[in-house]
Amino acid sequence: MQALKALVIFMAVLIVAGMVLLVYGLITRTGGDGAGDEAPAAPPAAPGIAPAGVVSTPTAVTPFGTLDLAVPDGCSLAASELAGDRLVVRFTGQPARGCQLLVIVDLASGREIGRVKAVPSSAQTPP
């Protein structure tokens, strides 16, 4: 009888210890208080583009109103992502219509900086 009682107490201690470790693991994976955590080294960013996770705060923000992006017919907006003070807009659709497209917009001025278009390798000219 005493062996069974000791076994039940031992199992209860294991359950409590497991729950404590589970809570500790969840806290450390979600950031917790951040004490003692070192941020991983960020890869070098291209000039003018902030690394991922870094919010660029301009000193004076002037609204630029509405920006009309010229998009080929039949294309649709797939995604958009902030990269520092730039907005990268990805369009998708039929490749024959030129829909495989990235548009980069400067958020400070509201101007379209450039476009990156995916073309078949057979259409590219060697350098």
Protein backbone atom coordinates (compact mmCIF):
# COMPACT_ATOMS: atom_id res chain seq x y z
CA MET A 1 0.00 0.00 0.00
CA GLN A 2 2.83 2.39 0.82
CA ALA A 3 4.50 1.64 -2.51
CA LEU A 4 1.33 2.59 -4.37
CA LYS A 5 1.02 5.79 -2.36
CA ALA A 6 4.67 6.69 -3.15
CA LEU A 7 4.08 5.95 -6.84
CA VAL A 8 1.02 8.25 -6.95
CA ILE A 9 2.95 11.06 -5.23
CA PHE A 10 5.88 10.59 -7.62
CA MET A 11 3.55 10.76 -10.65
CA ALA A 12 1.86 13.90 -9.30
CA VAL A 13 5.27 15.56 -8.93
CA LEU A 14 6.11 14.59 -12.53
CA ILE A 15 2.83 16.10 -13.79
CA VAL A 16 3.45 19.36 -11.91
CA ALA A 17 7.06 19.52 -13.17
CA GLY A 18 5.87 18.88 -16.72
CA MET A 19 3.31 21.69 -16.49
CA VAL A 20 5.95 24.08 -15.13
CA LEU A 21 8.30 23.21 -18.00
CA LEU A 22 5.48 23.64 -20.51
CA VAL A 23 4.64 27.11 -19.22
CA TYR A 24 8.33 28.05 -19.19
CA GLY A 25 8.72 26.86 -22.79
CA LEU A 26 5.70 28.87 -23.93
CA ILE A 27 6.94 32.01 -22.19
CA THR A 28 10.43 31.77 -23.67
CA ARG A 29 9.18 31.04 -27.20
CA THR A 30 6.75 33.98 -27.24
CA GLY A 31 9.29 36.47 -26.00
CA GLY A 32 8.34 36.64 -22.34
CA ASP A 33 9.92 39.52 -20.46
CA GLY A 34 12.94 39.59 -22.81
CA ALA A 35 15.43 39.43 -19.95
CA GLY A 36 18.65 37.84 -21.13
CA ASP A 37 17.40 37.31 -24.66
CA GLU A 38 19.69 38.47 -27.40
CA ALA A 39 18.22 39.47 -30.73
CA PRO A 40 19.58 37.48 -33.66
CA ALA A 41 21.96 39.34 -35.91
CA ALA A 42 20.09 40.89 -38.82
CA PRO A 43 21.48 40.38 -42.31
CA PRO A 44 22.81 43.51 -43.98
CA ALA A 45 20.09 45.41 -45.78
CA ALA A 46 20.26 47.01 -49.17
CA PRO A 47 20.97 50.74 -49.06
CA GLY A 48 17.82 52.71 -48.32
CA ILE A 49 15.86 49.70 -47.07
CA ALA A 50 15.52 48.96 -43.37
CA PRO A 51 16.08 45.37 -42.21
CA ALA A 52 13.00 43.27 -41.49
CA GLY A 53 11.42 44.10 -38.16
CA VAL A 54 12.93 47.60 -38.03
CA VAL A 55 10.38 50.37 -38.23
CA SER A 56 11.65 53.48 -39.92
CA THR A 57 10.08 56.60 -38.43
CA PRO A 58 10.43 59.63 -40.67
CA THR A 59 10.72 62.98 -38.94
CA ALA A 60 8.03 64.70 -40.98
CA VAL A 61 5.35 62.76 -42.79
CA THR A 62 3.46 64.55 -45.50
CA PRO A 63 0.40 62.88 -46.97
CA PHE A 64 0.63 62.27 -50.69
CA GLY A 65 -3.04 61.62 -51.39
CA THR A 66 -3.99 58.85 -53.79
CA LEU A 67 -1.51 56.85 -55.83
CA ASP A 68 -2.81 55.13 -58.95
CA LEU A 69 -0.75 52.07 -59.92
CA ALA A 70 -1.01 51.02 -63.54
CA VAL A 71 -1.74 47.29 -63.53
CA PRO A 72 -2.18 45.15 -66.65
CA ASP A 73 -5.73 43.96 -67.36
CA GLY A 74 -6.58 40.65 -65.75
CA CYS A 75 -4.05 41.00 -62.92
CA SER A 76 -4.95 40.97 -59.25
CA LEU A 77 -3.28 42.10 -56.04
CA ALA A 78 -1.56 39.13 -54.39
CA ALA A 79 0.27 40.72 -51.45
CA SER A 80 1.88 43.86 -50.09
CA GLU A 81 4.77 44.25 -47.67
CA LEU A 82 6.55 47.13 -45.98
CA ALA A 83 10.32 47.30 -46.41
CA GLY A 84 11.51 50.31 -44.43
CA ASP A 85 9.99 53.38 -46.06
CA ARG A 86 9.07 51.40 -49.17
CA LEU A 87 5.95 49.44 -50.04
CA VAL A 88 6.35 46.35 -52.20
CA VAL A 89 3.13 45.35 -53.97
CA ARG A 90 2.95 41.94 -55.66
CA PHE A 91 0.49 41.26 -58.45
CA THR A 92 -0.45 37.88 -59.87
CA GLY A 93 -2.44 36.55 -62.77
CA GLN A 94 -1.77 35.33 -66.29
CA PRO A 95 1.93 35.46 -67.18
CA ALA A 96 1.06 36.17 -70.82
CA ARG A 97 -0.50 39.48 -69.73
CA GLY A 98 2.54 40.50 -67.67
CA CYS A 99 0.85 39.89 -64.34
CA GLN A 100 3.89 38.41 -62.56
CA LEU A 101 4.92 41.80 -61.25
CA LEU A 102 6.37 43.60 -58.21
CA VAL A 103 5.81 47.35 -57.84
CA ILE A 104 7.97 49.32 -55.38
CA VAL A 105 6.51 52.56 -53.99
CA ASP A 106 8.30 55.22 -51.91
CA LEU A 107 5.95 55.93 -49.00
CA ALA A 108 7.48 59.31 -48.22
CA SER A 109 6.72 60.81 -51.63
CA GLY A 110 4.04 58.45 -52.90
CA ARG A 111 5.97 57.87 -56.11
CA GLU A 112 6.41 54.56 -57.84
CA ILE A 113 10.13 53.81 -57.71
CA GLY A 114 10.21 50.86 -60.06
CA ARG A 115 8.80 47.57 -61.24
CA VAL A 116 10.23 44.08 -61.27
CA LYS A 117 8.68 41.89 -63.93
CA ALA A 118 9.13 38.12 -64.15
CA VAL A 119 9.88 37.03 -67.72
CA PRO A 120 10.62 33.57 -69.12
CA SER A 121 14.31 32.71 -69.30
CA SER A 122 14.02 32.28 -73.08
CA ALA A 123 13.02 35.96 -73.39
CA GLN A 124 16.05 37.26 -71.46
CA THR A 125 19.12 38.43 -73.33
CA PRO A 126 22.52 37.38 -72.00
CA PRO A 127 24.65 40.20 -70.52
